[in-house]
Amino acid sequence: MRFTIDREQYIVNKEGVEIDLPRKEFETLWLLCSDPGKVFSRKQIFEKIWTEKSLSKERTVDVHLVNLRKKLGDQVFSTIRGVGYKINIGKTEIKVIKAKP
């Protein structure tokens, strides 16, 4: 499975198919792909993606992961019970295009 994540244009391409993601889903995917295999806690994801001024709660992370699973495939993500989430894609399968400073 191959992914291209274009940070500049907010585009995700999975095996040649462009997938439209809302900003928070994109940022969540970006975070998980920043360190493939690392388990991120719900709190870590929430604090990095949502601002302190947000009225959302940490459980919103679960909703966004459900949506990402529907769009990208359930096998792409793992839930580590009592710990958090991780992406099951290796570094060699992810091509990242970063935004220009």
PDB file of N, CA and C in Angstrom:
ATOM      1  N   MET A   1       0.838  -1.172   0.000  1.00  0.00           N
ATOM      2  CA  MET A   1       0.000   0.000   0.000  1.00  0.00           C
ATOM      3  C   MET A   1       0.890   1.246   0.000  1.00  0.00           C
ATOM      4  N   ARG A   2       0.611   2.182  -0.894  1.00  0.00           N
ATOM      5  CA  ARG A   2       1.418   3.397  -1.020  1.00  0.00           C
ATOM      6  C   ARG A   2       0.553   4.631  -0.796  1.00  0.00           C
ATOM      7  N   PHE A   3       1.101   5.562  -0.030  1.00  0.00           N
ATOM      8  CA  PHE A   3       0.436   6.827   0.241  1.00  0.00           C
ATOM      9  C   PHE A   3       1.334   7.993  -0.142  1.00  0.00           C
ATOM     10  N   THR A   4       0.736   9.029  -0.676  1.00  0.00           N
ATOM     11  CA  THR A   4       1.412  10.302  -0.847  1.00  0.00           C
ATOM     12  C   THR A   4       0.606  11.322  -0.068  1.00  0.00           C
ATOM     13  N   ILE A   5       1.293  12.058   0.793  1.00  0.00           N
ATOM     14  CA  ILE A   5       0.637  13.079   1.600  1.00  0.00           C
ATOM     15  C   ILE A   5       1.282  14.407   1.264  1.00  0.00           C
ATOM     16  N   ASP A   6       0.497  15.285   0.650  1.00  0.00           N
ATOM     17  CA  ASP A   6       0.985  16.594   0.215  1.00  0.00           C
ATOM     18  C   ASP A   6       0.519  17.650   1.208  1.00  0.00           C
ATOM     19  N   ARG A   7       1.425  18.082   2.054  1.00  0.00           N
ATOM     20  CA  ARG A   7       1.119  19.036   3.121  1.00  0.00           C
ATOM     21  C   ARG A   7       0.784  20.419   2.557  1.00  0.00           C
ATOM     22  N   GLU A   8       1.386  20.761   1.445  1.00  0.00           N
ATOM     23  CA  GLU A   8       1.167  22.085   0.859  1.00  0.00           C
ATOM     24  C   GLU A   8      -0.244  22.223   0.278  1.00  0.00           C
ATOM     25  N   GLN A   9      -0.728  21.169  -0.367  1.00  0.00           N
ATOM     26  CA  GLN A   9      -2.031  21.230  -1.017  1.00  0.00           C
ATOM     27  C   GLN A   9      -3.124  20.488  -0.246  1.00  0.00           C
ATOM     28  N   TYR A  10      -2.755  19.896   0.884  1.00  0.00           N
ATOM     29  CA  TYR A  10      -3.704  19.117   1.693  1.00  0.00           C
ATOM     30  C   TYR A  10      -4.377  18.027   0.857  1.00  0.00           C
ATOM     31  N   ILE A  11      -3.537  17.249   0.179  1.00  0.00           N
ATOM     32  CA  ILE A  11      -4.022  16.161  -0.663  1.00  0.00           C
ATOM     33  C   ILE A  11      -3.420  14.849  -0.179  1.00  0.00           C
ATOM     34  N   VAL A  12      -4.261  13.832  -0.111  1.00  0.00           N
ATOM     35  CA  VAL A  12      -3.803  12.481   0.207  1.00  0.00           C
ATOM     36  C   VAL A  12      -4.112  11.615  -1.003  1.00  0.00           C
ATOM     37  N   ASN A  13      -3.128  10.863  -1.418  1.00  0.00           N
ATOM     38  CA  ASN A  13      -3.285   9.974  -2.563  1.00  0.00           C
ATOM     39  C   ASN A  13      -2.953   8.571  -2.092  1.00  0.00           C
ATOM     40  N   LYS A  14      -3.925   7.661  -2.228  1.00  0.00           N
ATOM     41  CA  LYS A  14      -3.718   6.264  -1.821  1.00  0.00           C
ATOM     42  C   LYS A  14      -3.734   5.412  -3.076  1.00  0.00           C
ATOM     43  N   GLU A  15      -2.570   4.876  -3.414  1.00  0.00           N
ATOM     44  CA  GLU A  15      -2.412   3.997  -4.566  1.00  0.00           C
ATOM     45  C   GLU A  15      -3.046   4.581  -5.829  1.00  0.00           C
ATOM     46  N   GLY A  16      -2.776   5.865  -6.079  1.00  0.00           N
ATOM     47  CA  GLY A  16      -3.242   6.513  -7.300  1.00  0.00           C
ATOM     48  C   GLY A  16      -4.613   7.145  -7.218  1.00  0.00           C
ATOM     49  N   VAL A  17      -5.281   6.999  -6.080  1.00  0.00           N
ATOM     50  CA  VAL A  17      -6.613   7.574  -5.910  1.00  0.00           C
ATOM     51  C   VAL A  17      -6.538   8.724  -4.908  1.00  0.00           C
ATOM     52  N   GLU A  18      -6.964   9.912  -5.345  1.00  0.00           N
ATOM     53  CA  GLU A  18      -6.959  11.074  -4.465  1.00  0.00           C
ATOM     54  C   GLU A  18      -8.121  10.980  -3.484  1.00  0.00           C
ATOM     55  N   ILE A  19      -7.816  11.211  -2.218  1.00  0.00           N
ATOM     56  CA  ILE A  19      -8.823  11.119  -1.163  1.00  0.00           C
ATOM     57  C   ILE A  19      -8.937  12.480  -0.492  1.00  0.00           C
ATOM     58  N   ASP A  20     -10.137  13.000  -0.484  1.00  0.00           N
ATOM     59  CA  ASP A  20     -10.410  14.301   0.113  1.00  0.00           C
ATOM     60  C   ASP A  20     -10.624  14.130   1.614  1.00  0.00           C
ATOM     61  N   LEU A  21      -9.819  14.829   2.407  1.00  0.00           N
ATOM     62  CA  LEU A  21      -9.947  14.767   3.856  1.00  0.00           C
ATOM     63  C   LEU A  21     -10.168  16.168   4.420  1.00  0.00           C
ATOM     64  N   PRO A  22     -11.086  16.298   5.361  1.00  0.00           N
ATOM     65  CA  PRO A  22     -11.201  17.567   6.079  1.00  0.00           C
ATOM     66  C   PRO A  22      -9.908  17.843   6.847  1.00  0.00           C
ATOM     67  N   ARG A  23      -9.704  19.081   7.216  1.00  0.00           N
ATOM     68  CA  ARG A  23      -8.442  19.510   7.814  1.00  0.00           C
ATOM     69  C   ARG A  23      -8.035  18.688   9.044  1.00  0.00           C
ATOM     70  N   LYS A  24      -8.934  18.467   9.967  1.00  0.00           N
ATOM     71  CA  LYS A  24      -8.577  17.733  11.194  1.00  0.00           C
ATOM     72  C   LYS A  24      -8.216  16.273  10.895  1.00  0.00           C
ATOM     73  N   GLU A  25      -8.907  15.662   9.968  1.00  0.00           N
ATOM     74  CA  GLU A  25      -8.551  14.294   9.578  1.00  0.00           C
ATOM     75  C   GLU A  25      -7.183  14.281   8.910  1.00  0.00           C
ATOM     76  N   PHE A  26      -6.937  15.259   8.047  1.00  0.00           N
ATOM     77  CA  PHE A  26      -5.629  15.351   7.386  1.00  0.00           C
ATOM     78  C   PHE A  26      -4.525  15.508   8.422  1.00  0.00           C
ATOM     79  N   GLU A  27      -4.727  16.424   9.369  1.00  0.00           N
ATOM     80  CA  GLU A  27      -3.709  16.670  10.399  1.00  0.00           C
ATOM     81  C   GLU A  27      -3.483  15.435  11.273  1.00  0.00           C
ATOM     82  N   THR A  28      -4.547  14.700  11.559  1.00  0.00           N
ATOM     83  CA  THR A  28      -4.412  13.476  12.345  1.00  0.00           C
ATOM     84  C   THR A  28      -3.594  12.445  11.577  1.00  0.00           C
ATOM     85  N   LEU A  29      -3.910  12.272  10.302  1.00  0.00           N
ATOM     86  CA  LEU A  29      -3.136  11.361   9.459  1.00  0.00           C
ATOM     87  C   LEU A  29      -1.681  11.805   9.386  1.00  0.00           C
ATOM     88  N   TRP A  30      -1.453  13.092   9.182  1.00  0.00           N
ATOM     89  CA  TRP A  30      -0.093  13.650   9.102  1.00  0.00           C
ATOM     90  C   TRP A  30       0.684  13.317  10.370  1.00  0.00           C
ATOM     91  N   LEU A  31       0.061  13.510  11.524  1.00  0.00           N
ATOM     92  CA  LEU A  31       0.723  13.229  12.798  1.00  0.00           C
ATOM     93  C   LEU A  31       1.081  11.752  12.904  1.00  0.00           C
ATOM     94  N   LEU A  32       0.136  10.870  12.626  1.00  0.00           N
ATOM     95  CA  LEU A  32       0.415   9.442  12.734  1.00  0.00           C
ATOM     96  C   LEU A  32       1.506   9.005  11.756  1.00  0.00           C
ATOM     97  N   CYS A  33       1.534   9.618  10.581  1.00  0.00           N
ATOM     98  CA  CYS A  33       2.552   9.281   9.571  1.00  0.00           C
ATOM     99  C   CYS A  33       3.910   9.896   9.895  1.00  0.00           C
ATOM    100  N   SER A  34       3.939  10.852  10.808  1.00  0.00           N
ATOM    101  CA  SER A  34       5.215  11.487  11.156  1.00  0.00           C
ATOM    102  C   SER A  34       6.170  10.502  11.820  1.00  0.00           C
ATOM    103  N   ASP A  35       5.618   9.455  12.415  1.00  0.00           N
ATOM    104  CA  ASP A  35       6.439   8.438  13.071  1.00  0.00           C
ATOM    105  C   ASP A  35       5.724   7.089  12.964  1.00  0.00           C
ATOM    106  N   PRO A  36       5.782   6.469  11.765  1.00  0.00           N
ATOM    107  CA  PRO A  36       5.065   5.211  11.545  1.00  0.00           C
ATOM    108  C   PRO A  36       5.431   4.152  12.583  1.00  0.00           C
ATOM    109  N   GLY A  37       4.418   3.494  13.106  1.00  0.00           N
ATOM    110  CA  GLY A  37       4.637   2.461  14.106  1.00  0.00           C
ATOM    111  C   GLY A  37       4.561   2.970  15.531  1.00  0.00           C
ATOM    112  N   LYS A  38       4.760   4.265  15.731  1.00  0.00           N
ATOM    113  CA  LYS A  38       4.669   4.836  17.075  1.00  0.00           C
ATOM    114  C   LYS A  38       3.201   4.902  17.482  1.00  0.00           C
ATOM    115  N   VAL A  39       2.939   4.575  18.729  1.00  0.00           N
ATOM    116  CA  VAL A  39       1.589   4.675  19.263  1.00  0.00           C
ATOM    117  C   VAL A  39       1.421   6.063  19.883  1.00  0.00           C
ATOM    118  N   PHE A  40       0.429   6.783  19.369  1.00  0.00           N
ATOM    119  CA  PHE A  40       0.090   8.102  19.907  1.00  0.00           C
ATOM    120  C   PHE A  40      -1.152   7.967  20.777  1.00  0.00           C
ATOM    121  N   SER A  41      -1.098   8.524  21.971  1.00  0.00           N
ATOM    122  CA  SER A  41      -2.267   8.476  22.838  1.00  0.00           C
ATOM    123  C   SER A  41      -3.327   9.443  22.309  1.00  0.00           C
ATOM    124  N   ARG A  42      -4.568   9.207  22.707  1.00  0.00           N
ATOM    125  CA  ARG A  42      -5.657  10.104  22.331  1.00  0.00           C
ATOM    126  C   ARG A  42      -5.327  11.527  22.785  1.00  0.00           C
ATOM    127  N   LYS A  43      -4.770  11.637  23.987  1.00  0.00           N
ATOM    128  CA  LYS A  43      -4.420  12.960  24.526  1.00  0.00           C
ATOM    129  C   LYS A  43      -3.341  13.634  23.679  1.00  0.00           C
ATOM    130  N   GLN A  44      -2.315  12.896  23.272  1.00  0.00           N
ATOM    131  CA  GLN A  44      -1.259  13.460  22.424  1.00  0.00           C
ATOM    132  C   GLN A  44      -1.833  13.969  21.104  1.00  0.00           C
ATOM    133  N   ILE A  45      -2.681  13.156  20.488  1.00  0.00           N
ATOM    134  CA  ILE A  45      -3.278  13.555  19.213  1.00  0.00           C
ATOM    135  C   ILE A  45      -4.134  14.800  19.411  1.00  0.00           C
ATOM    136  N   PHE A  46      -4.968  14.782  20.439  1.00  0.00           N
ATOM    137  CA  PHE A  46      -5.865  15.905  20.700  1.00  0.00           C
ATOM    138  C   PHE A  46      -5.078  17.194  20.926  1.00  0.00           C
ATOM    139  N   GLU A  47      -4.049  17.138  21.748  1.00  0.00           N
ATOM    140  CA  GLU A  47      -3.282  18.340  22.074  1.00  0.00           C
ATOM    141  C   GLU A  47      -2.524  18.898  20.873  1.00  0.00           C
ATOM    142  N   LYS A  48      -2.115  18.033  19.953  1.00  0.00           N
ATOM    143  CA  LYS A  48      -1.375  18.510  18.783  1.00  0.00           C
ATOM    144  C   LYS A  48      -2.295  19.028  17.675  1.00  0.00           C
ATOM    145  N   ILE A  49      -3.513  18.505  17.580  1.00  0.00           N
ATOM    146  CA  ILE A  49      -4.396  18.855  16.472  1.00  0.00           C
ATOM    147  C   ILE A  49      -5.426  19.921  16.853  1.00  0.00           C
ATOM    148  N   TRP A  50      -5.977  19.824  18.037  1.00  0.00           N
ATOM    149  CA  TRP A  50      -6.995  20.782  18.469  1.00  0.00           C
ATOM    150  C   TRP A  50      -6.350  21.801  19.392  1.00  0.00           C
ATOM    151  N   THR A  51      -6.847  23.020  19.360  1.00  0.00           N
ATOM    152  CA  THR A  51      -6.288  24.075  20.219  1.00  0.00           C
ATOM    153  C   THR A  51      -6.894  23.981  21.615  1.00  0.00           C
ATOM    154  N   GLU A  52      -6.253  24.640  22.551  1.00  0.00           N
ATOM    155  CA  GLU A  52      -6.772  24.662  23.916  1.00  0.00           C
ATOM    156  C   GLU A  52      -8.124  25.370  23.978  1.00  0.00           C
ATOM    157  N   LYS A  53      -8.394  26.241  23.022  1.00  0.00           N
ATOM    158  CA  LYS A  53      -9.654  26.975  22.993  1.00  0.00           C
ATOM    159  C   LYS A  53     -10.793  26.139  22.427  1.00  0.00           C
ATOM    160  N   SER A  54     -10.471  24.970  21.927  1.00  0.00           N
ATOM    161  CA  SER A  54     -11.469  24.103  21.307  1.00  0.00           C
ATOM    162  C   SER A  54     -12.504  23.653  22.328  1.00  0.00           C
ATOM    163  N   LEU A  55     -13.737  23.590  21.898  1.00  0.00           N
ATOM    164  CA  LEU A  55     -14.816  23.082  22.740  1.00  0.00           C
ATOM    165  C   LEU A  55     -14.938  21.569  22.633  1.00  0.00           C
ATOM    166  N   SER A  56     -14.159  20.979  21.727  1.00  0.00           N
ATOM    167  CA  SER A  56     -14.178  19.529  21.529  1.00  0.00           C
ATOM    168  C   SER A  56     -13.537  18.826  22.719  1.00  0.00           C
ATOM    169  N   LYS A  57     -13.838  17.567  22.841  1.00  0.00           N
ATOM    170  CA  LYS A  57     -13.255  16.717  23.879  1.00  0.00           C
ATOM    171  C   LYS A  57     -12.339  15.694  23.208  1.00  0.00           C
ATOM    172  N   GLU A  58     -11.512  15.037  24.018  1.00  0.00           N
ATOM    173  CA  GLU A  58     -10.560  14.058  23.478  1.00  0.00           C
ATOM    174  C   GLU A  58     -11.239  12.954  22.686  1.00  0.00           C
ATOM    175  N   ARG A  59     -12.475  12.631  22.985  1.00  0.00           N
ATOM    176  CA  ARG A  59     -13.179  11.555  22.281  1.00  0.00           C
ATOM    177  C   ARG A  59     -13.408  11.892  20.811  1.00  0.00           C
ATOM    178  N   THR A  60     -13.297  13.167  20.448  1.00  0.00           N
ATOM    179  CA  THR A  60     -13.434  13.551  19.041  1.00  0.00           C
ATOM    180  C   THR A  60     -12.348  12.886  18.197  1.00  0.00           C
ATOM    181  N   VAL A  61     -11.225  12.561  18.816  1.00  0.00           N
ATOM    182  CA  VAL A  61     -10.150  11.843  18.121  1.00  0.00           C
ATOM    183  C   VAL A  61     -10.675  10.497  17.609  1.00  0.00           C
ATOM    184  N   ASP A  62     -11.467   9.814  18.438  1.00  0.00           N
ATOM    185  CA  ASP A  62     -12.032   8.517  18.043  1.00  0.00           C
ATOM    186  C   ASP A  62     -12.905   8.660  16.802  1.00  0.00           C
ATOM    187  N   VAL A  63     -13.718   9.707  16.775  1.00  0.00           N
ATOM    188  CA  VAL A  63     -14.609   9.946  15.636  1.00  0.00           C
ATOM    189  C   VAL A  63     -13.795  10.178  14.368  1.00  0.00           C
ATOM    190  N   HIS A  64     -12.738  10.957  14.475  1.00  0.00           N
ATOM    191  CA  HIS A  64     -11.902  11.231  13.308  1.00  0.00           C
ATOM    192  C   HIS A  64     -11.182   9.969  12.822  1.00  0.00           C
ATOM    193  N   LEU A  65     -10.772   9.114  13.757  1.00  0.00           N
ATOM    194  CA  LEU A  65     -10.139   7.856  13.353  1.00  0.00           C
ATOM    195  C   LEU A  65     -11.132   6.932  12.669  1.00  0.00           C
ATOM    196  N   VAL A  66     -12.377   6.911  13.129  1.00  0.00           N
ATOM    197  CA  VAL A  66     -13.410   6.109  12.466  1.00  0.00           C
ATOM    198  C   VAL A  66     -13.572   6.589  11.026  1.00  0.00           C
ATOM    199  N   ASN A  67     -13.634   7.913  10.841  1.00  0.00           N
ATOM    200  CA  ASN A  67     -13.775   8.477   9.493  1.00  0.00           C
ATOM    201  C   ASN A  67     -12.571   8.159   8.616  1.00  0.00           C
ATOM    202  N   LEU A  68     -11.372   8.254   9.181  1.00  0.00           N
ATOM    203  CA  LEU A  68     -10.165   7.925   8.415  1.00  0.00           C
ATOM    204  C   LEU A  68     -10.159   6.451   8.008  1.00  0.00           C
ATOM    205  N   ARG A  69     -10.597   5.585   8.894  1.00  0.00           N
ATOM    206  CA  ARG A  69     -10.663   4.154   8.575  1.00  0.00           C
ATOM    207  C   ARG A  69     -11.623   3.893   7.415  1.00  0.00           C
ATOM    208  N   LYS A  70     -12.741   4.592   7.413  1.00  0.00           N
ATOM    209  CA  LYS A  70     -13.714   4.435   6.328  1.00  0.00           C
ATOM    210  C   LYS A  70     -13.126   4.874   4.992  1.00  0.00           C
ATOM    211  N   LYS A  71     -12.337   5.934   5.008  1.00  0.00           N
ATOM    212  CA  LYS A  71     -11.806   6.510   3.769  1.00  0.00           C
ATOM    213  C   LYS A  71     -10.526   5.827   3.291  1.00  0.00           C
ATOM    214  N   LEU A  72      -9.687   5.391   4.229  1.00  0.00           N
ATOM    215  CA  LEU A  72      -8.371   4.858   3.855  1.00  0.00           C
ATOM    216  C   LEU A  72      -8.249   3.348   4.041  1.00  0.00           C
ATOM    217  N   GLY A  73      -9.169   2.777   4.790  1.00  0.00           N
ATOM    218  CA  GLY A  73      -9.116   1.340   5.036  1.00  0.00           C
ATOM    219  C   GLY A  73      -8.815   1.033   6.483  1.00  0.00           C
ATOM    220  N   ASP A  74      -9.547   0.092   7.024  1.00  0.00           N
ATOM    221  CA  ASP A  74      -9.407  -0.270   8.434  1.00  0.00           C
ATOM    222  C   ASP A  74      -8.013  -0.806   8.758  1.00  0.00           C
ATOM    223  N   GLN A  75      -7.385  -1.475   7.804  1.00  0.00           N
ATOM    224  CA  GLN A  75      -6.076  -2.088   8.034  1.00  0.00           C
ATOM    225  C   GLN A  75      -4.953  -1.063   8.164  1.00  0.00           C
ATOM    226  N   VAL A  76      -5.231   0.185   7.799  1.00  0.00           N
ATOM    227  CA  VAL A  76      -4.200   1.226   7.839  1.00  0.00           C
ATOM    228  C   VAL A  76      -3.873   1.638   9.278  1.00  0.00           C
ATOM    229  N   PHE A  77      -4.847   1.522  10.176  1.00  0.00           N
ATOM    230  CA  PHE A  77      -4.689   1.991  11.550  1.00  0.00           C
ATOM    231  C   PHE A  77      -4.886   0.851  12.535  1.00  0.00           C
ATOM    232  N   SER A  78      -4.210   0.968  13.672  1.00  0.00           N
ATOM    233  CA  SER A  78      -4.424   0.030  14.776  1.00  0.00           C
ATOM    234  C   SER A  78      -4.810   0.813  16.018  1.00  0.00           C
ATOM    235  N   THR A  79      -5.733   0.241  16.766  1.00  0.00           N
ATOM    236  CA  THR A  79      -6.079   0.773  18.077  1.00  0.00           C
ATOM    237  C   THR A  79      -5.371  -0.090  19.098  1.00  0.00           C
ATOM    238  N   ILE A  80      -4.599   0.544  19.942  1.00  0.00           N
ATOM    239  CA  ILE A  80      -3.926  -0.170  21.026  1.00  0.00           C
ATOM    240  C   ILE A  80      -4.741   0.132  22.282  1.00  0.00           C
ATOM    241  N   ARG A  81      -5.504  -0.846  22.723  1.00  0.00           N
ATOM    242  CA  ARG A  81      -6.435  -0.633  23.836  1.00  0.00           C
ATOM    243  C   ARG A  81      -5.744  -0.046  25.060  1.00  0.00           C
ATOM    244  N   GLY A  82      -6.345   1.008  25.576  1.00  0.00           N
ATOM    245  CA  GLY A  82      -5.822   1.658  26.772  1.00  0.00           C
ATOM    246  C   GLY A  82      -4.605   2.521  26.527  1.00  0.00           C
ATOM    247  N   VAL A  83      -4.134   2.570  25.273  1.00  0.00           N
ATOM    248  CA  VAL A  83      -2.930   3.344  24.976  1.00  0.00           C
ATOM    249  C   VAL A  83      -3.216   4.409  23.928  1.00  0.00           C
ATOM    250  N   GLY A  84      -3.620   3.999  22.714  1.00  0.00           N
ATOM    251  CA  GLY A  84      -3.867   4.982  21.659  1.00  0.00           C
ATOM    252  C   GLY A  84      -3.950   4.361  20.286  1.00  0.00           C
ATOM    253  N   TYR A  85      -3.425   5.095  19.308  1.00  0.00           N
ATOM    254  CA  TYR A  85      -3.522   4.694  17.902  1.00  0.00           C
ATOM    255  C   TYR A  85      -2.157   4.741  17.232  1.00  0.00           C
ATOM    256  N   LYS A  86      -2.015   3.918  16.193  1.00  0.00           N
ATOM    257  CA  LYS A  86      -0.816   3.981  15.375  1.00  0.00           C
ATOM    258  C   LYS A  86      -1.189   3.666  13.935  1.00  0.00           C
ATOM    259  N   ILE A  87      -0.292   4.047  13.028  1.00  0.00           N
ATOM    260  CA  ILE A  87      -0.493   3.763  11.615  1.00  0.00           C
ATOM    261  C   ILE A  87       0.318   2.517  11.272  1.00  0.00           C
ATOM    262  N   ASN A  88      -0.237   1.686  10.425  1.00  0.00           N
ATOM    263  CA  ASN A  88       0.410   0.418  10.064  1.00  0.00           C
ATOM    264  C   ASN A  88       1.111   0.479   8.719  1.00  0.00           C
ATOM    265  N   ILE A  89       1.547   1.632   8.336  1.00  0.00           N
ATOM    266  CA  ILE A  89       2.221   1.805   7.057  1.00  0.00           C
ATOM    267  C   ILE A  89       3.688   2.106   7.341  1.00  0.00           C
ATOM    268  N   GLY A  90       4.574   1.422   6.669  1.00  0.00           N
ATOM    269  CA  GLY A  90       6.000   1.653   6.871  1.00  0.00           C
ATOM    270  C   GLY A  90       6.467   2.943   6.214  1.00  0.00           C
ATOM    271  N   LYS A  91       7.591   3.436   6.675  1.00  0.00           N
ATOM    272  CA  LYS A  91       8.161   4.685   6.140  1.00  0.00           C
ATOM    273  C   LYS A  91       8.377   4.619   4.636  1.00  0.00           C
ATOM    274  N   THR A  92       8.715   3.455   4.127  1.00  0.00           N
ATOM    275  CA  THR A  92       8.995   3.334   2.689  1.00  0.00           C
ATOM    276  C   THR A  92       7.723   3.399   1.854  1.00  0.00           C
ATOM    277  N   GLU A  93       6.570   3.249   2.498  1.00  0.00           N
ATOM    278  CA  GLU A  93       5.302   3.279   1.778  1.00  0.00           C
ATOM    279  C   GLU A  93       4.631   4.656   1.806  1.00  0.00           C
ATOM    280  N   ILE A  94       5.265   5.596   2.503  1.00  0.00           N
ATOM    281  CA  ILE A  94       4.691   6.939   2.643  1.00  0.00           C
ATOM    282  C   ILE A  94       5.605   7.938   1.969  1.00  0.00           C
ATOM    283  N   LYS A  95       5.072   8.674   1.019  1.00  0.00           N
ATOM    284  CA  LYS A  95       5.813   9.772   0.410  1.00  0.00           C
ATOM    285  C   LYS A  95       5.199  11.066   0.935  1.00  0.00           C
ATOM    286  N   VAL A  96       6.034  11.864   1.572  1.00  0.00           N
ATOM    287  CA  VAL A  96       5.560  13.095   2.199  1.00  0.00           C
ATOM    288  C   VAL A  96       6.079  14.288   1.409  1.00  0.00           C
ATOM    289  N   ILE A  97       5.167  15.174   1.067  1.00  0.00           N
ATOM    290  CA  ILE A  97       5.530  16.436   0.412  1.00  0.00           C
ATOM    291  C   ILE A  97       5.201  17.528   1.419  1.00  0.00           C
ATOM    292  N   LYS A  98       6.254  18.156   1.950  1.00  0.00           N
ATOM    293  CA  LYS A  98       6.065  19.165   2.984  1.00  0.00           C
ATOM    294  C   LYS A  98       5.774  20.537   2.379  1.00  0.00           C
ATOM    295  N   ALA A  99       5.053  21.329   3.155  1.00  0.00           N
ATOM    296  CA  ALA A  99       4.762  22.704   2.736  1.00  0.00           C
ATOM    297  C   ALA A  99       6.050  23.510   2.746  1.00  0.00           C
ATOM    298  N   LYS A 100       6.143  24.421   1.809  1.00  0.00           N
ATOM    299  CA  LYS A 100       7.323  25.292   1.751  1.00  0.00           C
ATOM    300  C   LYS A 100       7.204  26.352   2.840  1.00  0.00           C
ATOM    301  N   PRO A 101       8.315  26.652   3.513  1.00  0.00           N
ATOM    302  CA  PRO A 101       8.279  27.656   4.596  1.00  0.00           C
ATOM    303  C   PRO A 101       7.950  29.042   4.100  1.00  0.00           C
TER     304      PRO A 101
END
